[in-house]
Amino acid sequence: MLRLFRRDTSSGTIAHDHLDVAHEGAVYRVSLKRVTGARRYTLRVRNATRDVVITMPTRGTLTAARDFAQRHAAWIATRLHRLPAAVPFRKGALIPIRGIDHEIVHMNALRGGIETRMSTAGIRQLIVVCDEDHLSRRIHDYLKREAKKELEAAVRKHTATLGFAARRITVRDTTSRWGSCSASGSLNFSWRLIMAPEHVLDYLAAHEVAHLVHMNHSEDFWALTRSLAPHTDRAETWLHANGAALHRFGVELD
């Protein structure tokens, strides 16, 4: 079954942004993305946002979108079920910080703070003192602060080696890339890098700093990156194997 939400009946084209696909009793939301110049329909499941997207021609029709989604309903279900299980920021959950698992320990109080410690059993813990309703937000905020602090320090180290400074450093919850460098010299990073091992965060900082010199991925760029971060290849290997899984942490389940 497909449920349509909006339609431009005058032209017969898709004029809404999503539809629902039902398969074996489950309903899956599929976003529609019209792309100028697209010649065919393509379908993908995005690990970072845990959603499904159909890319379609600008003048794509409702019938074609319906048929395409229905033919791939089983594929959609299979791919979504293969995604790593979401790990909300809740009491008892294990989340990585600097590549090391920490157990979330919640202590209920109107006011409090966050700290890490080692339990008597030798388990690393993230102690969060707050009202239970604010637990997830407090952990998100803490990890973003830690990421900003670590990334700023790493960027300063690498720019000092080159003899200049970055214009601006921001952290966001990016889904398509771990870092970016603008033409104006501003660097942007995913806060989720604080969950990766320290050498991975350092490599991403070096990678974007190198873009301040080479706005490309030329041999000169990679030579500079490796001179700043000799562990580049090891970090790239880790990201390829484990990076996508970082997006499962902090996801709130319906």
Foldseek 3Di string as FASTA:
>chain_A
DKDADDDDVVQQARDDFWMWDDDPHDIAIETEAEDEPDDAWDKDQALLVLHIYIYGHPRDGPVRVVVVCHVCVVVSVVVSVPRPAFAAQAAQTWAFFLQATAGEHEDEDQDDAWDWDADPVRGIYIYYYHHRVCRLVRVVVVLLVVLQVLLQVLLVVLVVVVPDHAPEEEEDQDRPDQKEADPNRYIYGHSLCSRHHSLLSSLVSLLRSLCPVPVDPDPSSVVSSCVSRVCNVVNVVCCVVCVSNSSSYNDDDD
